[in-house]
Amino acid sequence: GGLSFPPDSIYSEANKGLTIRDYFAAAALTGIISS
């Protein structure tokens, strides 16, 4: 899905940020755990 929070700095080049898939999984995980 690409990056959900792309880095906005040249200093962030090594860390590309979360992918949209990562973001969706984290959101789903929160819901599953809270249930």
PDB file of all heavy atoms in Angstrom:
ATOM      1  N   GLY A   1       0.777  -1.226   0.000  1.00  0.00           N
ATOM      2  CA  GLY A   1       0.000   0.000   0.000  1.00  0.00           C
ATOM      3  C   GLY A   1       0.808   1.274   0.000  1.00  0.00           C
ATOM      4  O   GLY A   1       0.265   2.353  -0.046  1.00  0.00           O
ATOM      5  N   GLY A   2       2.119   1.154   0.066  1.00  0.00           N
ATOM      6  CA  GLY A   2       2.955   2.352   0.139  1.00  0.00           C
ATOM      7  C   GLY A   2       3.100   2.832   1.571  1.00  0.00           C
ATOM      8  O   GLY A   2       2.687   2.165   2.511  1.00  0.00           O
ATOM      9  N   LEU A   3       3.690   3.997   1.739  1.00  0.00           N
ATOM     10  CA  LEU A   3       3.938   4.525   3.075  1.00  0.00           C
ATOM     11  C   LEU A   3       2.721   5.268   3.613  1.00  0.00           C
ATOM     12  O   LEU A   3       2.096   6.038   2.901  1.00  0.00           O
ATOM     13  CB  LEU A   3       5.145   5.464   3.056  1.00  0.00           C
ATOM     14  CG  LEU A   3       6.472   4.835   2.636  1.00  0.00           C
ATOM     15  CD1 LEU A   3       7.576   5.878   2.603  1.00  0.00           C
ATOM     16  CD2 LEU A   3       6.840   3.710   3.581  1.00  0.00           C
ATOM     17  N   SER A   4       2.406   5.024   4.886  1.00  0.00           N
ATOM     18  CA  SER A   4       1.283   5.729   5.495  1.00  0.00           C
ATOM     19  C   SER A   4       1.735   7.060   6.086  1.00  0.00           C
ATOM     20  O   SER A   4       0.979   8.018   6.105  1.00  0.00           O
ATOM     21  CB  SER A   4       0.619   4.873   6.576  1.00  0.00           C
ATOM     22  OG  SER A   4       1.538   4.538   7.576  1.00  0.00           O
ATOM     23  N   PHE A   5       2.955   7.113   6.569  1.00  0.00           N
ATOM     24  CA  PHE A   5       3.521   8.338   7.121  1.00  0.00           C
ATOM     25  C   PHE A   5       4.922   8.519   6.539  1.00  0.00           C
ATOM     26  O   PHE A   5       5.918   8.233   7.196  1.00  0.00           O
ATOM     27  CB  PHE A   5       3.605   8.271   8.646  1.00  0.00           C
ATOM     28  CG  PHE A   5       2.287   8.032   9.309  1.00  0.00           C
ATOM     29  CD1 PHE A   5       1.969   6.801   9.846  1.00  0.00           C
ATOM     30  CD2 PHE A   5       1.350   9.050   9.381  1.00  0.00           C
ATOM     31  CE1 PHE A   5       0.754   6.584  10.462  1.00  0.00           C
ATOM     32  CE2 PHE A   5       0.122   8.843   9.993  1.00  0.00           C
ATOM     33  CZ  PHE A   5      -0.174   7.610  10.529  1.00  0.00           C
ATOM     34  N   PRO A   6       5.013   8.967   5.297  1.00  0.00           N
ATOM     35  CA  PRO A   6       6.331   9.079   4.670  1.00  0.00           C
ATOM     36  C   PRO A   6       7.231  10.033   5.444  1.00  0.00           C
ATOM     37  O   PRO A   6       6.752  11.000   6.036  1.00  0.00           O
ATOM     38  CB  PRO A   6       6.028   9.660   3.289  1.00  0.00           C
ATOM     39  CG  PRO A   6       4.572   9.518   3.096  1.00  0.00           C
ATOM     40  CD  PRO A   6       3.940   9.411   4.437  1.00  0.00           C
ATOM     41  N   PRO A   7       8.528   9.756   5.450  1.00  0.00           N
ATOM     42  CA  PRO A   7       9.453  10.655   6.145  1.00  0.00           C
ATOM     43  C   PRO A   7       9.481  12.018   5.461  1.00  0.00           C
ATOM     44  O   PRO A   7       9.363  12.115   4.249  1.00  0.00           O
ATOM     45  CB  PRO A   7      10.799   9.944   6.039  1.00  0.00           C
ATOM     46  CG  PRO A   7      10.653   8.988   4.915  1.00  0.00           C
ATOM     47  CD  PRO A   7       9.194   8.637   4.814  1.00  0.00           C
ATOM     48  N   ASP A   8       9.607  13.043   6.244  1.00  0.00           N
ATOM     49  CA  ASP A   8       9.623  14.396   5.691  1.00  0.00           C
ATOM     50  C   ASP A   8      10.998  15.043   5.834  1.00  0.00           C
ATOM     51  O   ASP A   8      11.126  16.254   5.743  1.00  0.00           O
ATOM     52  CB  ASP A   8       8.553  15.261   6.353  1.00  0.00           C
ATOM     53  CG  ASP A   8       8.722  15.344   7.858  1.00  0.00           C
ATOM     54  OD1 ASP A   8       9.664  14.734   8.396  1.00  0.00           O
ATOM     55  OD2 ASP A   8       7.896  16.011   8.495  1.00  0.00           O
ATOM     56  N   SER A   9      11.996  14.231   6.061  1.00  0.00           N
ATOM     57  CA  SER A   9      13.325  14.774   6.306  1.00  0.00           C
ATOM     58  C   SER A   9      14.376  13.899   5.630  1.00  0.00           C
ATOM     59  O   SER A   9      14.212  12.687   5.541  1.00  0.00           O
ATOM     60  CB  SER A   9      13.581  14.809   7.820  1.00  0.00           C
ATOM     61  OG  SER A   9      14.943  15.011   8.090  1.00  0.00           O
ATOM     62  N   ILE A  10      15.454  14.518   5.196  1.00  0.00           N
ATOM     63  CA  ILE A  10      16.549  13.737   4.616  1.00  0.00           C
ATOM     64  C   ILE A  10      17.193  12.855   5.677  1.00  0.00           C
ATOM     65  O   ILE A  10      17.826  11.870   5.372  1.00  0.00           O
ATOM     66  CB  ILE A  10      17.617  14.642   3.956  1.00  0.00           C
ATOM     67  CG1 ILE A  10      18.231  15.594   4.976  1.00  0.00           C
ATOM     68  CG2 ILE A  10      17.042  15.393   2.780  1.00  0.00           C
ATOM     69  CD1 ILE A  10      19.441  16.356   4.475  1.00  0.00           C
ATOM     70  N   TYR A  11      16.990  13.185   6.949  1.00  0.00           N
ATOM     71  CA  TYR A  11      17.545  12.388   8.038  1.00  0.00           C
ATOM     72  C   TYR A  11      16.744  11.121   8.284  1.00  0.00           C
ATOM     73  O   TYR A  11      17.156  10.256   9.030  1.00  0.00           O
ATOM     74  CB  TYR A  11      17.623  13.227   9.323  1.00  0.00           C
ATOM     75  CG  TYR A  11      18.439  14.477   9.129  1.00  0.00           C
ATOM     76  CD1 TYR A  11      17.840  15.720   9.086  1.00  0.00           C
ATOM     77  CD2 TYR A  11      19.815  14.390   8.954  1.00  0.00           C
ATOM     78  CE1 TYR A  11      18.588  16.861   8.878  1.00  0.00           C
ATOM     79  CE2 TYR A  11      20.574  15.536   8.743  1.00  0.00           C
ATOM     80  CZ  TYR A  11      19.956  16.769   8.705  1.00  0.00           C
ATOM     81  OH  TYR A  11      20.698  17.881   8.495  1.00  0.00           O
ATOM     82  N   SER A  12      15.596  11.005   7.659  1.00  0.00           N
ATOM     83  CA  SER A  12      14.740   9.840   7.829  1.00  0.00           C
ATOM     84  C   SER A  12      14.938   8.818   6.718  1.00  0.00           C
ATOM     85  O   SER A  12      14.156   7.884   6.603  1.00  0.00           O
ATOM     86  CB  SER A  12      13.274  10.273   7.848  1.00  0.00           C
ATOM     87  OG  SER A  12      13.033  11.159   8.895  1.00  0.00           O
ATOM     88  N   GLU A  13      15.943   8.989   5.896  1.00  0.00           N
ATOM     89  CA  GLU A  13      16.141   8.121   4.734  1.00  0.00           C
ATOM     90  C   GLU A  13      16.272   6.648   5.128  1.00  0.00           C
ATOM     91  O   GLU A  13      15.758   5.774   4.442  1.00  0.00           O
ATOM     92  CB  GLU A  13      17.368   8.554   3.951  1.00  0.00           C
ATOM     93  CG  GLU A  13      17.533   7.853   2.623  1.00  0.00           C
ATOM     94  CD  GLU A  13      16.358   8.058   1.670  1.00  0.00           C
ATOM     95  OE1 GLU A  13      15.746   9.135   1.689  1.00  0.00           O
ATOM     96  OE2 GLU A  13      16.060   7.131   0.907  1.00  0.00           O
ATOM     97  N   ALA A  14      16.938   6.356   6.249  1.00  0.00           N
ATOM     98  CA  ALA A  14      17.117   4.965   6.664  1.00  0.00           C
ATOM     99  C   ALA A  14      15.808   4.356   7.148  1.00  0.00           C
ATOM    100  O   ALA A  14      15.560   3.169   6.975  1.00  0.00           O
ATOM    101  CB  ALA A  14      18.175   4.872   7.764  1.00  0.00           C
ATOM    102  N   ASN A  15      14.951   5.158   7.734  1.00  0.00           N
ATOM    103  CA  ASN A  15      13.663   4.687   8.235  1.00  0.00           C
ATOM    104  C   ASN A  15      12.575   5.226   7.317  1.00  0.00           C
ATOM    105  O   ASN A  15      12.231   6.395   7.363  1.00  0.00           O
ATOM    106  CB  ASN A  15      13.442   5.158   9.668  1.00  0.00           C
ATOM    107  CG  ASN A  15      12.122   4.675  10.221  1.00  0.00           C
ATOM    108  OD1 ASN A  15      11.428   3.881   9.605  1.00  0.00           O
ATOM    109  ND2 ASN A  15      11.771   5.158  11.385  1.00  0.00           N
ATOM    110  N   LYS A  16      12.010   4.373   6.511  1.00  0.00           N
ATOM    111  CA  LYS A  16      11.023   4.804   5.515  1.00  0.00           C
ATOM    112  C   LYS A  16       9.651   5.035   6.124  1.00  0.00           C
ATOM    113  O   LYS A  16       8.775   5.542   5.465  1.00  0.00           O
ATOM    114  CB  LYS A  16      10.914   3.767   4.393  1.00  0.00           C
ATOM    115  CG  LYS A  16      12.192   3.569   3.627  1.00  0.00           C
ATOM    116  CD  LYS A  16      12.513   4.784   2.801  1.00  0.00           C
ATOM    117  CE  LYS A  16      13.719   4.506   1.936  1.00  0.00           C
ATOM    118  NZ  LYS A  16      14.153   5.644   1.196  1.00  0.00           N
ATOM    119  N   GLY A  17       9.427   4.643   7.364  1.00  0.00           N
ATOM    120  CA  GLY A  17       8.124   4.822   7.984  1.00  0.00           C
ATOM    121  C   GLY A  17       7.256   3.589   7.833  1.00  0.00           C
ATOM    122  O   GLY A  17       7.653   2.587   7.249  1.00  0.00           O
ATOM    123  N   LEU A  18       6.068   3.672   8.379  1.00  0.00           N
ATOM    124  CA  LEU A  18       5.123   2.568   8.299  1.00  0.00           C
ATOM    125  C   LEU A  18       4.510   2.477   6.914  1.00  0.00           C
ATOM    126  O   LEU A  18       4.211   3.496   6.299  1.00  0.00           O
ATOM    127  CB  LEU A  18       3.971   2.785   9.282  1.00  0.00           C
ATOM    128  CG  LEU A  18       4.241   2.674  10.759  1.00  0.00           C
ATOM    129  CD1 LEU A  18       2.984   3.042  11.539  1.00  0.00           C
ATOM    130  CD2 LEU A  18       4.685   1.281  11.119  1.00  0.00           C
ATOM    131  N   THR A  19       4.282   1.249   6.475  1.00  0.00           N
ATOM    132  CA  THR A  19       3.500   1.068   5.261  1.00  0.00           C
ATOM    133  C   THR A  19       2.030   1.149   5.643  1.00  0.00           C
ATOM    134  O   THR A  19       1.669   1.043   6.830  1.00  0.00           O
ATOM    135  CB  THR A  19       3.777  -0.293   4.599  1.00  0.00           C
ATOM    136  OG1 THR A  19       3.325  -1.324   5.473  1.00  0.00           O
ATOM    137  CG2 THR A  19       5.246  -0.467   4.269  1.00  0.00           C
ATOM    138  N   ILE A  20       1.194   1.298   4.668  1.00  0.00           N
ATOM    139  CA  ILE A  20      -0.238   1.312   4.938  1.00  0.00           C
ATOM    140  C   ILE A  20      -0.662  -0.051   5.486  1.00  0.00           C
ATOM    141  O   ILE A  20      -1.499  -0.142   6.380  1.00  0.00           O
ATOM    142  CB  ILE A  20      -1.027   1.713   3.679  1.00  0.00           C
ATOM    143  CG1 ILE A  20      -0.713   3.176   3.354  1.00  0.00           C
ATOM    144  CG2 ILE A  20      -2.525   1.495   3.862  1.00  0.00           C
ATOM    145  CD1 ILE A  20      -1.284   3.670   2.053  1.00  0.00           C
ATOM    146  N   ARG A  21      -0.041  -1.104   5.006  1.00  0.00           N
ATOM    147  CA  ARG A  21      -0.338  -2.453   5.519  1.00  0.00           C
ATOM    148  C   ARG A  21       0.004  -2.541   7.003  1.00  0.00           C
ATOM    149  O   ARG A  21      -0.762  -3.093   7.793  1.00  0.00           O
ATOM    150  CB  ARG A  21       0.426  -3.500   4.727  1.00  0.00           C
ATOM    151  CG  ARG A  21       0.097  -4.928   5.130  1.00  0.00           C
ATOM    152  CD  ARG A  21       0.780  -5.935   4.203  1.00  0.00           C
ATOM    153  NE  ARG A  21       0.347  -7.279   4.515  1.00  0.00           N
ATOM    154  CZ  ARG A  21       1.133  -8.201   5.074  1.00  0.00           C
ATOM    155  NH1 ARG A  21       2.390  -7.924   5.362  1.00  0.00           N
ATOM    156  NH2 ARG A  21       0.664  -9.403   5.327  1.00  0.00           N
ATOM    157  N   ASP A  22       1.171  -2.000   7.394  1.00  0.00           N
ATOM    158  CA  ASP A  22       1.546  -1.970   8.804  1.00  0.00           C
ATOM    159  C   ASP A  22       0.506  -1.203   9.624  1.00  0.00           C
ATOM    160  O   ASP A  22       0.108  -1.631  10.705  1.00  0.00           O
ATOM    161  CB  ASP A  22       2.902  -1.284   9.009  1.00  0.00           C
ATOM    162  CG  ASP A  22       4.071  -2.026   8.417  1.00  0.00           C
ATOM    163  OD1 ASP A  22       4.019  -3.265   8.297  1.00  0.00           O
ATOM    164  OD2 ASP A  22       5.071  -1.356   8.078  1.00  0.00           O
ATOM    165  N   TYR A  23       0.094  -0.060   9.103  1.00  0.00           N
ATOM    166  CA  TYR A  23      -0.873   0.790   9.794  1.00  0.00           C
ATOM    167  C   TYR A  23      -2.212   0.068   9.974  1.00  0.00           C
ATOM    168  O   TYR A  23      -2.796   0.074  11.060  1.00  0.00           O
ATOM    169  CB  TYR A  23      -1.055   2.095   9.015  1.00  0.00           C
ATOM    170  CG  TYR A  23      -1.971   3.068   9.680  1.00  0.00           C
ATOM    171  CD1 TYR A  23      -1.541   3.835  10.755  1.00  0.00           C
ATOM    172  CD2 TYR A  23      -3.267   3.233   9.223  1.00  0.00           C
ATOM    173  CE1 TYR A  23      -2.390   4.737  11.363  1.00  0.00           C
ATOM    174  CE2 TYR A  23      -4.127   4.136   9.824  1.00  0.00           C
ATOM    175  CZ  TYR A  23      -3.686   4.884  10.903  1.00  0.00           C
ATOM    176  OH  TYR A  23      -4.520   5.764  11.501  1.00  0.00           O
ATOM    177  N   PHE A  24      -2.684  -0.579   8.905  1.00  0.00           N
ATOM    178  CA  PHE A  24      -3.938  -1.322   8.990  1.00  0.00           C
ATOM    179  C   PHE A  24      -3.824  -2.473   9.998  1.00  0.00           C
ATOM    180  O   PHE A  24      -4.755  -2.735  10.765  1.00  0.00           O
ATOM    181  CB  PHE A  24      -4.348  -1.882   7.629  1.00  0.00           C
ATOM    182  CG  PHE A  24      -4.904  -0.878   6.666  1.00  0.00           C
ATOM    183  CD1 PHE A  24      -4.950  -1.175   5.308  1.00  0.00           C
ATOM    184  CD2 PHE A  24      -5.388   0.354   7.067  1.00  0.00           C
ATOM    185  CE1 PHE A  24      -5.485  -0.270   4.400  1.00  0.00           C
ATOM    186  CE2 PHE A  24      -5.919   1.264   6.166  1.00  0.00           C
ATOM    187  CZ  PHE A  24      -5.965   0.951   4.824  1.00  0.00           C
ATOM    188  N   ALA A  25      -2.689  -3.183   9.980  1.00  0.00           N
ATOM    189  CA  ALA A  25      -2.501  -4.295  10.914  1.00  0.00           C
ATOM    190  C   ALA A  25      -2.495  -3.791  12.358  1.00  0.00           C
ATOM    191  O   ALA A  25      -3.087  -4.421  13.245  1.00  0.00           O
ATOM    192  CB  ALA A  25      -1.214  -5.044  10.603  1.00  0.00           C
ATOM    193  N   ALA A  26      -1.842  -2.670  12.598  1.00  0.00           N
ATOM    194  CA  ALA A  26      -1.801  -2.110  13.952  1.00  0.00           C
ATOM    195  C   ALA A  26      -3.201  -1.716  14.421  1.00  0.00           C
ATOM    196  O   ALA A  26      -3.575  -1.955  15.574  1.00  0.00           O
ATOM    197  CB  ALA A  26      -0.863  -0.914  14.009  1.00  0.00           C
ATOM    198  N   ALA A  27      -3.982  -1.122  13.526  1.00  0.00           N
ATOM    199  CA  ALA A  27      -5.348  -0.738  13.876  1.00  0.00           C
ATOM    200  C   ALA A  27      -6.192  -1.978  14.166  1.00  0.00           C
ATOM    201  O   ALA A  27      -6.960  -2.006  15.141  1.00  0.00           O
ATOM    202  CB  ALA A  27      -5.966   0.088  12.755  1.00  0.00           C
ATOM    203  N   ALA A  28      -6.057  -3.000  13.340  1.00  0.00           N
ATOM    204  CA  ALA A  28      -6.807  -4.245  13.557  1.00  0.00           C
ATOM    205  C   ALA A  28      -6.374  -4.899  14.866  1.00  0.00           C
ATOM    206  O   ALA A  28      -7.219  -5.386  15.636  1.00  0.00           O
ATOM    207  CB  ALA A  28      -6.596  -5.200  12.387  1.00  0.00           C
ATOM    208  N   LEU A  29      -5.084  -4.887  15.127  1.00  0.00           N
ATOM    209  CA  LEU A  29      -4.560  -5.488  16.346  1.00  0.00           C
ATOM    210  C   LEU A  29      -5.150  -4.819  17.578  1.00  0.00           C
ATOM    211  O   LEU A  29      -5.547  -5.492  18.540  1.00  0.00           O
ATOM    212  CB  LEU A  29      -3.036  -5.383  16.355  1.00  0.00           C
ATOM    213  CG  LEU A  29      -2.301  -6.034  17.518  1.00  0.00           C
ATOM    214  CD1 LEU A  29      -2.553  -7.525  17.557  1.00  0.00           C
ATOM    215  CD2 LEU A  29      -0.810  -5.745  17.382  1.00  0.00           C
ATOM    216  N   THR A  30      -5.251  -3.511  17.550  1.00  0.00           N
ATOM    217  CA  THR A  30      -5.840  -2.775  18.667  1.00  0.00           C
ATOM    218  C   THR A  30      -7.277  -3.226  18.920  1.00  0.00           C
ATOM    219  O   THR A  30      -7.674  -3.468  20.061  1.00  0.00           O
ATOM    220  CB  THR A  30      -5.804  -1.260  18.388  1.00  0.00           C
ATOM    221  OG1 THR A  30      -4.455  -0.865  18.197  1.00  0.00           O
ATOM    222  CG2 THR A  30      -6.405  -0.467  19.511  1.00  0.00           C
ATOM    223  N   GLY A  31      -8.042  -3.354  17.840  1.00  0.00           N
ATOM    224  CA  GLY A  31      -9.426  -3.799  17.985  1.00  0.00           C
ATOM    225  C   GLY A  31      -9.538  -5.223  18.478  1.00  0.00           C
ATOM    226  O   GLY A  31     -10.368  -5.531  19.340  1.00  0.00           O
ATOM    227  N   ILE A  32      -8.712  -6.102  17.949  1.00  0.00           N
ATOM    228  CA  ILE A  32      -8.766  -7.506  18.346  1.00  0.00           C
ATOM    229  C   ILE A  32      -8.408  -7.647  19.824  1.00  0.00           C
ATOM    230  O   ILE A  32      -9.092  -8.346  20.579  1.00  0.00           O
ATOM    231  CB  ILE A  32      -7.828  -8.372  17.477  1.00  0.00           C
ATOM    232  CG1 ILE A  32      -8.296  -8.381  16.024  1.00  0.00           C
ATOM    233  CG2 ILE A  32      -7.755  -9.792  18.017  1.00  0.00           C
ATOM    234  CD1 ILE A  32      -7.269  -8.943  15.049  1.00  0.00           C
ATOM    235  N   ILE A  33      -7.363  -6.959  20.251  1.00  0.00           N
ATOM    236  CA  ILE A  33      -6.943  -7.044  21.652  1.00  0.00           C
ATOM    237  C   ILE A  33      -8.012  -6.475  22.578  1.00  0.00           C
ATOM    238  O   ILE A  33      -8.314  -7.044  23.626  1.00  0.00           O
ATOM    239  CB  ILE A  33      -5.590  -6.335  21.860  1.00  0.00           C
ATOM    240  CG1 ILE A  33      -4.480  -7.134  21.184  1.00  0.00           C
ATOM    241  CG2 ILE A  33      -5.286  -6.151  23.339  1.00  0.00           C
ATOM    242  CD1 ILE A  33      -3.139  -6.427  21.154  1.00  0.00           C
ATOM    243  N   SER A  34      -8.613  -5.349  22.188  1.00  0.00           N
ATOM    244  CA  SER A  34      -9.619  -4.725  23.051  1.00  0.00           C
ATOM    245  C   SER A  34     -10.896  -5.561  23.161  1.00  0.00           C
ATOM    246  O   SER A  34     -11.662  -5.406  24.100  1.00  0.00           O
ATOM    247  CB  SER A  34      -9.954  -3.318  22.564  1.00  0.00           C
ATOM    248  OG  SER A  34     -10.648  -3.363  21.346  1.00  0.00           O
ATOM    249  N   SER A  35     -11.111  -6.465  22.212  1.00  0.00           N
ATOM    250  CA  SER A  35     -12.300  -7.325  22.262  1.00  0.00           C
ATOM    251  C   SER A  35     -12.093  -8.529  23.185  1.00  0.00           C
ATOM    252  O   SER A  35     -12.991  -9.342  23.339  1.00  0.00           O
ATOM    253  CB  SER A  35     -12.666  -7.815  20.863  1.00  0.00           C
ATOM    254  OG  SER A  35     -11.725  -8.784  20.418  1.00  0.00           O
TER     255      SER A  35
END
